[in-house]
Amino acid sequence: MELDIQCEEMSPSRWAELLTTMKSCKTIRLDDCNLSSSNCEDLSSIINTNPSLTELKLNNNELGDAGVEYLCKGLLTPSCSLQKLWLQNCNLTSASCETLRSVLSAQPSLTELHVGDNRLGTAGVKVLCQGMMNPSCKLQKLQLEYCELTADIVEALNAALQSKPTLKELSLSNNTLGDTAVKQLCRGLVEASCNLELLHLENCGITSDSCMEISAVLRNKSSLMDLSVGDNKIGDSGLALLCQGLMHPSCKIQKLWLWDCDLTSASCKDLSRLISTKETLTEISLIDNNLRDSGMEMLCQALKDPRSKLQELWVRECGLTAACCKAVSSALSTNKHLKVLHIGENKLGDAGVELLCEGLMHPNCNIQSLWLGNCDLTAGCCATLATAMATTQCLTELDLSYNPLEDEGIRKICEALRKPSCNVQQLILYDILWSSEVDDELRALEESKPEVKIIS
């Protein structure tokens, strides 16, 4: 049994009712439920008496250090079988880390610990690392985003990595580490026996100076499938160094996030080579980089390579215009693997989207999710969009938010949604003005086709 409740204020009677249910739950998720330390005393009892409970998610609650202390009493009981614990943004401090260290040291069932968005600090996480080094600890996933960590944490982390071959995922995003610490961390990862699969280092103060060491991790850890270094100023020179590791035969990367990395069209030659030849790569995010039309055209040429297996491409806010849309359309009509295209916040205009629709309607196109928010679209392109919606069998999600489509455009989109051949299940229309009459039509459409969800 699974209990999944979010954003609900807990009255005493409601809480008492849920406690009865929790006694037999395998998963309990209570995010944003205004829980406090007093609720944790009850949850500790549930952990102790419900051996089937394997996942507990309590994000965005004011539990505090006292609440975690209660939880850990339950976690330390022999009957506890909890595997996944989520305590993100729960108002924890370094004081909670000593209690959590005891759990890591004594509870081999715990494989995931998510404690991001808490002011644990470097001193607190050093204590957690001591717990990780205990032979009983079998942790596989550790999430430490927004924990106010500094460069001083790396020595303790490296020591923990050396002793923890089970660790598969490490997220340190949004901490002030800097190049020197990231280099040290990467050297430790290369030497460690762990088979890391995910490494997230977003917004960690990284520049091109760290990229050779990150590249070495890519070369030496064939287990690494998910790398995110978004929101770091690595630039074109840093990307070139990363690609040396990414292109190495032993690298098996699947997901690569490079959003807001100060990349320009100059990087697209290396990225194109990566997309066209790295058959393991299925997802790449290049959001908020100044690629321009020339860069996008190079990426599209790579997508047409038979070796490309890319399924998701995120190029939102990349300085694109209608000038690149013919190349995008050609790629859509050639690449059978691409399923998700986020190309919003670019000045494509009606003419650009009409060109995209030619590719969408090609029999080879398998796009399922298309995001065109804030692309300077008007009602003028909606007839063509409607035709594409009713023609392509794969498209299930379409985002047209922040475009001045007005009543005329929305009505054309609605006509397509009513057709039996249209398979769109989710239509996103944030911040678009329409009349009360059109609003009634949208509500009526949702009632007549309950499988369609219109989000506005």
Protein backbone atom coordinates (compact mmCIF):
# COMPACT_ATOMS: atom_id res chain seq x y z
CA MET A 1 0.00 0.00 0.00
CA GLU A 2 1.15 3.55 -0.79
CA LEU A 3 0.24 6.80 0.97
CA ASP A 4 0.99 9.86 -1.19
CA ILE A 5 -0.30 13.22 0.11
CA GLN A 6 1.06 16.66 -0.75
CA CYS A 7 0.23 20.20 0.36
CA GLU A 8 -2.37 19.30 2.96
CA GLU A 9 -2.75 20.89 6.36
CA MET A 10 -2.95 18.14 8.98
CA SER A 11 -5.69 18.50 11.58
CA PRO A 12 -5.39 16.22 14.64
CA SER A 13 -8.31 14.09 13.45
CA ARG A 14 -6.88 13.77 9.93
CA TRP A 15 -3.47 12.84 11.32
CA ALA A 16 -4.98 10.18 13.59
CA GLU A 17 -6.84 8.74 10.60
CA LEU A 18 -3.64 8.60 8.52
CA LEU A 19 -1.62 6.96 11.29
CA THR A 20 -3.93 3.96 11.13
CA THR A 21 -3.34 3.73 7.37
CA MET A 22 0.43 4.12 7.73
CA LYS A 23 0.72 0.94 9.79
CA SER A 24 0.50 -1.15 6.61
CA CYS A 25 2.09 1.20 4.03
CA LYS A 26 5.17 0.32 2.03
CA THR A 27 5.62 3.95 0.92
CA ILE A 28 4.71 7.13 2.82
CA ARG A 29 5.01 10.52 1.10
CA LEU A 30 3.92 13.61 3.05
CA ASP A 31 5.59 16.57 1.32
CA ASP A 32 4.44 20.10 2.22
CA CYS A 33 2.02 18.92 4.92
CA ASN A 34 3.02 21.37 7.67
CA LEU A 35 4.44 18.57 9.81
CA SER A 36 6.53 19.31 12.89
CA SER A 37 8.66 17.42 15.40
CA SER A 38 5.55 16.18 17.22
CA ASN A 39 4.45 14.33 14.08
CA CYS A 40 7.88 12.73 13.90
CA GLU A 41 7.35 11.04 17.26
CA ASP A 42 4.34 9.25 15.76
CA LEU A 43 6.26 8.47 12.56
CA SER A 44 9.07 6.95 14.60
CA SER A 45 6.58 4.51 16.07
CA ILE A 46 5.33 3.66 12.57
CA ILE A 47 8.90 2.99 11.40
CA ASN A 48 9.42 0.73 14.41
CA THR A 49 6.19 -1.27 14.04
CA ASN A 50 5.81 -1.43 10.23
CA PRO A 51 8.55 -3.67 8.81
CA SER A 52 7.13 -3.33 5.29
CA LEU A 53 7.87 0.45 5.17
CA THR A 54 10.72 1.03 2.68
CA GLU A 55 10.29 4.68 1.61
CA LEU A 56 9.60 7.77 3.72
CA LYS A 57 9.37 11.18 2.04
CA LEU A 58 8.91 14.25 4.25
CA ASN A 59 10.23 17.12 2.12
CA ASN A 60 9.32 20.76 2.84
CA ASN A 61 8.15 20.30 6.43
CA GLU A 62 9.39 22.14 9.55
CA LEU A 63 10.69 19.01 11.27
CA GLY A 64 13.82 20.59 12.70
CA ASP A 65 16.64 18.75 14.43
CA ALA A 66 14.25 17.55 17.16
CA GLY A 67 12.02 15.90 14.56
CA VAL A 68 14.95 14.06 12.98
CA GLU A 69 16.04 12.84 16.40
CA TYR A 70 12.60 11.26 16.87
CA LEU A 71 12.72 9.67 13.41
CA CYS A 72 16.15 8.23 14.00
CA LYS A 73 14.97 6.40 17.14
CA GLY A 74 12.67 4.42 14.88
CA LEU A 75 15.32 4.03 12.20
CA LEU A 76 17.72 2.49 14.70
CA THR A 77 15.34 -0.29 15.78
CA PRO A 78 16.14 -3.81 14.49
CA SER A 79 12.70 -4.13 12.87
CA CYS A 80 13.27 -1.09 10.60
CA SER A 81 13.61 -1.91 6.89
CA LEU A 82 13.60 1.63 5.50
CA GLN A 83 15.55 2.00 2.25
CA LYS A 84 14.81 5.58 1.10
CA LEU A 85 14.65 8.67 3.32
CA TRP A 86 13.81 12.14 1.97
CA LEU A 87 14.28 15.13 4.29
CA GLN A 88 14.80 18.00 1.84
CA ASN A 89 14.09 21.51 3.14
CA CYS A 90 13.14 20.37 6.64
CA ASN A 91 14.94 23.10 8.63
CA LEU A 92 17.80 20.83 9.66
CA THR A 93 21.20 21.99 10.87
CA SER A 94 24.52 20.29 11.57
CA ALA A 95 22.99 19.06 14.84
CA SER A 96 20.95 16.51 12.87
CA CYS A 97 24.06 15.02 11.28
CA GLU A 98 25.27 13.24 14.41
CA THR A 99 21.93 11.46 14.69
CA LEU A 100 21.90 10.59 11.00
CA ARG A 101 25.50 9.36 11.29
CA SER A 102 24.32 6.78 13.81
CA VAL A 103 21.68 5.59 11.35
CA LEU A 104 24.19 5.33 8.46
CA SER A 105 26.54 3.36 10.72
CA ALA A 106 23.91 0.95 12.03
CA GLN A 107 21.21 0.58 9.36
CA PRO A 108 22.38 -1.41 6.29
CA SER A 109 18.91 -1.30 4.71
CA LEU A 110 19.20 2.47 4.09
CA THR A 111 20.34 2.99 0.48
CA GLU A 112 19.10 6.54 -0.25
CA LEU A 113 19.50 9.71 1.80
CA HIS A 114 18.18 13.03 0.47
CA VAL A 115 18.99 15.94 2.79
CA GLY A 116 19.38 18.86 0.37
CA ASP A 117 18.09 22.38 1.08
CA ASN A 118 19.15 22.15 4.72
CA ARG A 119 21.83 24.24 6.47
CA LEU A 120 24.00 21.26 7.36
CA GLY A 121 27.23 23.04 6.53
CA THR A 122 30.64 21.53 5.95
CA ALA A 123 31.01 20.49 9.62
CA GLY A 124 27.70 18.61 9.57
CA VAL A 125 28.38 16.74 6.32
CA LYS A 126 31.83 15.73 7.58
CA VAL A 127 29.97 13.92 10.37
CA LEU A 128 27.73 12.20 7.79
CA CYS A 129 30.84 11.08 5.94
CA GLN A 130 32.06 9.35 9.10
CA GLY A 131 28.84 7.35 9.11
CA MET A 132 29.31 6.45 5.45
CA MET A 133 32.72 5.00 6.21
CA ASN A 134 31.23 2.42 8.56
CA PRO A 135 31.29 -1.05 6.91
CA SER A 136 27.59 -1.49 7.77
CA CYS A 137 26.63 1.51 5.62
CA LYS A 138 25.36 0.43 2.18
CA LEU A 139 24.37 3.88 0.89
CA GLN A 140 23.85 4.09 -2.88
CA LYS A 141 22.42 7.60 -3.32
CA LEU A 142 23.43 10.77 -1.46
CA GLN A 143 21.84 14.14 -2.23
CA LEU A 144 23.48 17.21 -0.67
CA GLU A 145 22.26 20.14 -2.80
CA TYR A 146 22.01 23.56 -1.15
CA CYS A 147 23.70 22.40 2.05
CA GLU A 148 26.07 25.38 2.43
CA LEU A 149 29.13 23.25 1.70
CA THR A 150 32.54 24.75 0.96
CA ALA A 151 35.78 23.42 -0.51
CA ASP A 152 36.76 22.04 2.91
CA ILE A 153 34.25 19.18 2.53
CA VAL A 154 36.13 17.40 -0.25
CA GLU A 155 38.73 15.58 1.86
CA ALA A 156 35.99 13.96 3.98
CA LEU A 157 33.93 13.14 0.88
CA ASN A 158 36.88 11.51 -0.84
CA ALA A 159 37.60 9.39 2.23
CA ALA A 160 33.96 8.25 2.25
CA LEU A 161 34.06 7.50 -1.49
CA GLN A 162 37.17 5.36 -1.03
CA SER A 163 35.37 3.20 1.50
CA LYS A 164 31.98 3.03 -0.21
CA PRO A 165 31.92 0.88 -3.38
CA THR A 166 28.11 0.80 -3.20
CA LEU A 167 27.69 4.55 -3.93
CA LYS A 168 26.02 5.15 -7.31
CA GLU A 169 24.66 8.70 -7.12
CA LEU A 170 26.21 11.86 -5.69
CA SER A 171 24.61 15.29 -5.98
CA LEU A 172 26.52 18.33 -4.71
CA SER A 173 24.82 21.03 -6.79
CA ASN A 174 24.41 24.58 -5.51
CA ASN A 175 27.30 24.53 -3.08
CA THR A 176 30.30 26.89 -3.19
CA LEU A 177 33.00 24.37 -4.05
CA GLY A 178 35.12 26.07 -6.73
CA ASP A 179 37.65 24.63 -9.16
CA THR A 180 40.29 23.51 -6.67
CA ALA A 181 37.82 21.42 -4.68
CA VAL A 182 36.15 19.95 -7.78
CA LYS A 183 39.54 18.91 -9.15
CA GLN A 184 40.33 17.21 -5.84
CA LEU A 185 36.93 15.52 -5.81
CA CYS A 186 37.39 14.21 -9.35
CA ARG A 187 40.81 12.78 -8.56
CA GLY A 188 39.23 11.00 -5.61
CA LEU A 189 36.43 9.64 -7.81
CA VAL A 190 38.91 8.28 -10.34
CA GLU A 191 40.76 6.43 -7.56
CA ALA A 192 37.65 5.29 -5.65
CA SER A 193 36.25 1.80 -6.17
CA CYS A 194 32.66 3.06 -6.37
CA ASN A 195 30.77 2.57 -9.62
CA LEU A 196 29.27 6.06 -9.78
CA GLU A 197 26.32 6.38 -12.17
CA LEU A 198 25.19 9.98 -11.44
CA LEU A 199 27.24 13.07 -10.65
CA HIS A 200 25.53 16.46 -10.29
CA LEU A 201 27.71 19.56 -9.87
CA GLU A 202 25.37 22.38 -10.97
CA ASN A 203 26.22 25.89 -9.79
CA CYS A 204 29.39 24.86 -7.98
CA GLY A 205 31.66 27.66 -9.17
CA ILE A 206 33.26 25.52 -11.88
CA THR A 207 35.18 27.04 -14.81
CA SER A 208 37.13 25.48 -17.66
CA ASP A 209 39.97 24.86 -15.17
CA SER A 210 38.07 21.88 -13.70
CA CYS A 211 37.04 20.31 -16.99
CA MET A 212 40.15 18.21 -17.60
CA GLU A 213 39.61 16.46 -14.24
CA ILE A 214 35.87 15.95 -14.92
CA SER A 215 36.88 14.55 -18.31
CA ALA A 216 39.16 12.07 -16.53
CA VAL A 217 36.17 10.85 -14.48
CA LEU A 218 34.24 10.31 -17.72
CA ARG A 219 37.11 8.29 -19.18
CA ASN A 220 37.73 6.18 -16.09
CA LYS A 221 34.19 5.59 -14.80
CA SER A 222 32.36 3.68 -17.50
CA SER A 223 29.51 3.36 -14.99
CA LEU A 224 28.82 7.15 -15.16
CA MET A 225 25.61 7.70 -17.13
CA ASP A 226 24.28 11.03 -15.81
CA LEU A 227 26.45 14.16 -15.60
CA SER A 228 25.13 17.64 -14.86
CA VAL A 229 27.44 20.65 -14.75
CA GLY A 230 24.79 23.25 -15.61
CA ASP A 231 25.02 26.84 -14.36
CA ASN A 232 28.81 26.80 -14.38
CA LYS A 233 30.87 29.10 -16.58
CA ILE A 234 32.90 26.43 -18.38
CA GLY A 235 32.67 28.11 -21.80
CA ASP A 236 33.61 26.68 -25.17
CA SER A 237 37.13 25.79 -24.02
CA GLY A 238 35.78 23.81 -21.06
CA LEU A 239 33.27 21.99 -23.26
CA ALA A 240 36.08 20.97 -25.63
CA LEU A 241 37.92 19.40 -22.67
CA LEU A 242 34.77 17.61 -21.46
CA CYS A 243 34.23 16.19 -24.93
CA GLN A 244 37.61 14.48 -24.79
CA GLY A 245 36.24 12.34 -21.96
CA LEU A 246 32.74 12.09 -23.40
CA MET A 247 34.08 10.79 -26.72
CA HIS A 248 36.32 8.18 -25.08
CA PRO A 249 35.21 4.64 -25.97
CA SER A 250 34.85 3.68 -22.30
CA CYS A 251 32.44 6.57 -21.59
CA LYS A 252 28.81 5.39 -21.57
CA ILE A 253 27.09 8.72 -20.84
CA GLN A 254 23.31 8.78 -21.31
CA LYS A 255 22.19 12.11 -19.82
CA LEU A 256 24.23 15.31 -20.13
CA TRP A 257 23.07 18.67 -18.75
CA LEU A 258 25.03 21.74 -19.87
CA TRP A 259 22.47 24.50 -19.31
CA ASP A 260 23.76 28.07 -18.86
CA CYS A 261 27.42 27.14 -19.36
CA ASP A 262 28.43 30.15 -21.51
CA LEU A 263 28.53 28.01 -24.63
CA THR A 264 28.32 29.52 -28.11
CA SER A 265 27.96 28.14 -31.63
CA ALA A 266 31.68 27.38 -31.46
CA SER A 267 30.86 24.48 -29.11
CA CYS A 268 28.36 22.97 -31.53
CA LYS A 269 31.03 21.31 -33.67
CA ASP A 270 32.12 19.21 -30.67
CA LEU A 271 28.53 18.70 -29.53
CA SER A 272 27.49 17.58 -33.02
CA ARG A 273 30.26 15.01 -33.10
CA LEU A 274 29.10 13.77 -29.69
CA ILE A 275 25.42 13.55 -30.72
CA SER A 276 26.18 11.78 -33.98
CA THR A 277 28.64 9.19 -32.67
CA LYS A 278 27.94 8.56 -28.95
CA GLU A 279 25.16 6.01 -29.28
CA THR A 280 24.61 5.79 -25.51
CA LEU A 281 23.66 9.50 -25.31
CA THR A 282 19.87 9.84 -25.04
CA GLU A 283 19.35 13.27 -23.39
CA ILE A 284 21.17 16.59 -23.62
CA SER A 285 20.20 19.98 -22.15
CA LEU A 286 21.74 23.11 -23.69
CA ILE A 287 19.22 25.58 -22.26
CA ASP A 288 20.28 29.24 -22.01
CA ASN A 289 23.41 29.00 -24.13
CA ASN A 290 24.04 31.37 -27.05
CA LEU A 291 24.07 28.69 -29.77
CA ARG A 292 22.30 30.77 -32.43
CA ASP A 293 20.90 29.44 -35.69
CA SER A 294 24.31 28.38 -37.01
CA GLY A 295 24.93 26.22 -33.95
CA MET A 296 21.47 24.67 -34.09
CA GLU A 297 21.95 23.79 -37.75
CA MET A 298 25.10 21.85 -36.84
CA LEU A 299 23.20 19.97 -34.10
CA CYS A 300 20.42 19.13 -36.56
CA GLN A 301 22.93 17.73 -39.02
CA ALA A 302 24.19 15.44 -36.24
CA LEU A 303 20.62 14.32 -35.44
CA LYS A 304 20.31 13.09 -39.02
CA ASP A 305 23.25 10.73 -38.56
CA PRO A 306 21.97 7.12 -38.36
CA ARG A 307 24.21 6.53 -35.33
CA SER A 308 22.47 9.22 -33.25
CA LYS A 309 20.18 7.74 -30.60
CA LEU A 310 19.26 11.03 -28.91
CA GLN A 311 15.74 10.99 -27.45
CA GLU A 312 15.57 14.37 -25.67
CA LEU A 313 16.97 17.73 -26.81
CA TRP A 314 16.54 20.88 -24.68
CA VAL A 315 17.48 24.09 -26.53
CA ARG A 316 15.25 26.60 -24.79
CA GLU A 317 16.49 30.23 -24.78
CA CYS A 318 19.37 29.60 -27.17
CA GLY A 319 19.00 32.63 -29.47
CA LEU A 320 17.22 30.71 -32.23
CA THR A 321 15.00 32.17 -34.95
CA ALA A 322 12.96 30.90 -37.90
CA ALA A 323 16.21 30.68 -39.86
CA CYS A 324 17.10 27.34 -38.21
CA CYS A 325 13.64 25.79 -38.44
CA LYS A 326 14.11 24.21 -41.85
CA ALA A 327 17.10 22.32 -40.44
CA VAL A 328 15.09 21.32 -37.35
CA SER A 329 12.24 20.12 -39.55
CA SER A 330 14.62 18.04 -41.65
CA ALA A 331 16.06 16.47 -38.49
CA LEU A 332 12.54 15.64 -37.22
CA SER A 333 11.70 13.92 -40.48
CA THR A 334 14.91 11.85 -40.36
CA ASN A 335 15.56 10.96 -36.71
CA LYS A 336 13.19 8.25 -35.47
CA HIS A 337 14.59 8.28 -31.91
CA LEU A 338 13.92 11.90 -30.86
CA LYS A 339 10.87 12.02 -28.58
CA VAL A 340 11.21 15.28 -26.62
CA LEU A 341 12.06 18.71 -28.05
CA HIS A 342 12.14 21.78 -25.78
CA ILE A 343 12.67 24.73 -28.12
CA GLY A 344 10.68 27.42 -26.29
CA GLU A 345 11.80 30.98 -25.50
CA ASN A 346 13.27 31.36 -28.98
CA LYS A 347 11.99 33.83 -31.60
CA LEU A 348 10.76 31.20 -34.04
CA GLY A 349 7.59 33.06 -35.02
CA ASP A 350 4.71 31.68 -37.06
CA ALA A 351 6.89 31.04 -40.12
CA GLY A 352 9.37 29.00 -38.08
CA VAL A 353 6.71 26.83 -36.46
CA GLU A 354 5.04 26.18 -39.79
CA LEU A 355 8.36 24.79 -41.01
CA LEU A 356 8.64 22.64 -37.84
CA CYS A 357 5.19 21.23 -38.54
CA GLU A 358 6.39 19.84 -41.88
CA GLY A 359 8.85 17.69 -39.97
CA LEU A 360 6.28 16.81 -37.29
CA MET A 361 3.92 15.42 -39.90
CA HIS A 362 6.57 13.23 -41.54
CA PRO A 363 5.98 9.48 -40.95
CA ASN A 364 9.49 9.11 -39.48
CA CYS A 365 8.87 11.70 -36.75
CA ASN A 366 8.24 10.23 -33.29
CA ILE A 367 8.08 13.43 -31.21
CA GLN A 368 5.90 12.91 -28.12
CA SER A 369 6.55 16.17 -26.24
CA LEU A 370 6.98 19.56 -27.95
CA TRP A 371 7.54 22.78 -26.01
CA LEU A 372 6.98 26.03 -27.92
CA GLY A 373 6.34 28.45 -25.05
CA ASN A 374 7.21 32.13 -25.60
CA CYS A 375 8.15 31.70 -29.27
CA ASP A 376 6.37 34.79 -30.68
CA LEU A 377 3.53 32.68 -32.07
CA THR A 378 0.14 34.08 -33.07
CA ALA A 379 -3.12 32.65 -34.36
CA GLY A 380 -1.52 32.72 -37.81
CA CYS A 381 0.32 29.43 -37.26
CA CYS A 382 -2.46 27.63 -35.39
CA ALA A 383 -4.17 26.14 -38.46
CA THR A 384 -0.91 24.42 -39.41
CA LEU A 385 -0.29 23.38 -35.80
CA ALA A 386 -3.81 21.95 -35.62
CA THR A 387 -3.20 19.92 -38.76
CA ALA A 388 0.03 18.56 -37.29
CA MET A 389 -1.73 17.68 -34.02
CA ALA A 390 -4.38 15.71 -35.88
CA THR A 391 -1.87 14.06 -38.22
CA THR A 392 0.99 12.88 -36.05
CA GLN A 393 0.10 9.84 -33.94
CA CYS A 394 2.92 10.26 -31.42
CA LEU A 395 2.44 13.79 -30.06
CA THR A 396 0.93 13.60 -26.55
CA GLU A 397 2.20 16.82 -24.90
CA LEU A 398 2.24 20.35 -26.36
CA ASP A 399 3.24 23.58 -24.62
CA LEU A 400 2.14 26.85 -26.24
CA SER A 401 2.38 29.07 -23.16
CA TYR A 402 3.18 32.80 -23.27
CA ASN A 403 2.18 33.20 -26.93
CA PRO A 404 -0.54 35.72 -27.98
CA LEU A 405 -2.76 33.13 -29.68
CA GLU A 406 -6.02 34.81 -28.61
CA ASP A 407 -9.48 33.31 -29.24
CA GLU A 408 -8.88 32.55 -32.90
CA GLY A 409 -5.75 30.50 -32.25
CA ILE A 410 -7.13 28.63 -29.24
CA ARG A 411 -10.27 27.68 -31.17
CA LYS A 412 -8.17 26.16 -33.98
CA ILE A 413 -6.19 24.14 -31.42
CA CYS A 414 -9.45 22.97 -29.83
CA GLU A 415 -10.74 21.80 -33.19
CA ALA A 416 -7.71 19.56 -33.51
CA LEU A 417 -8.15 18.20 -29.96
CA ARG A 418 -11.71 17.15 -30.75
CA LYS A 419 -10.63 15.00 -33.67
CA PRO A 420 -10.34 11.24 -32.96
CA SER A 421 -6.97 11.17 -34.75
CA CYS A 422 -5.44 13.66 -32.25
CA ASN A 423 -3.57 11.94 -29.41
CA VAL A 424 -2.51 15.04 -27.45
CA GLN A 425 -3.25 14.34 -23.78
CA GLN A 426 -1.68 17.42 -22.18
CA LEU A 427 -1.97 20.97 -23.54
CA ILE A 428 -0.16 23.71 -21.62
CA LEU A 429 -1.47 27.25 -22.10
CA TYR A 430 -0.03 29.44 -19.33
CA ASP A 431 -0.51 33.21 -19.56
CA ILE A 432 -2.67 33.33 -22.70
CA LEU A 433 -5.68 35.63 -22.76
CA TRP A 434 -8.99 34.34 -24.13
CA SER A 435 -12.65 35.19 -23.74
CA SER A 436 -15.14 33.60 -21.35
CA GLU A 437 -16.76 31.91 -24.37
CA VAL A 438 -13.49 30.19 -25.28
CA ASP A 439 -12.99 29.28 -21.63
CA ASP A 440 -16.36 27.50 -21.69
CA GLU A 441 -15.31 25.68 -24.85
CA LEU A 442 -12.11 24.49 -23.19
CA ARG A 443 -13.99 23.20 -20.14
CA ALA A 444 -16.53 21.44 -22.37
CA LEU A 445 -13.72 19.85 -24.34
CA GLU A 446 -12.16 18.46 -21.15
CA GLU A 447 -15.51 17.01 -20.13
CA SER A 448 -16.06 15.38 -23.52
CA LYS A 449 -12.47 14.02 -23.63
CA PRO A 450 -11.47 13.25 -20.03
CA GLU A 451 -8.10 11.89 -21.21
CA VAL A 452 -7.15 15.44 -22.26
CA LYS A 453 -5.71 17.75 -19.59
CA ILE A 454 -5.56 21.49 -20.31
CA ILE A 455 -3.21 23.37 -17.99
CA SER A 456 -3.57 27.15 -17.88
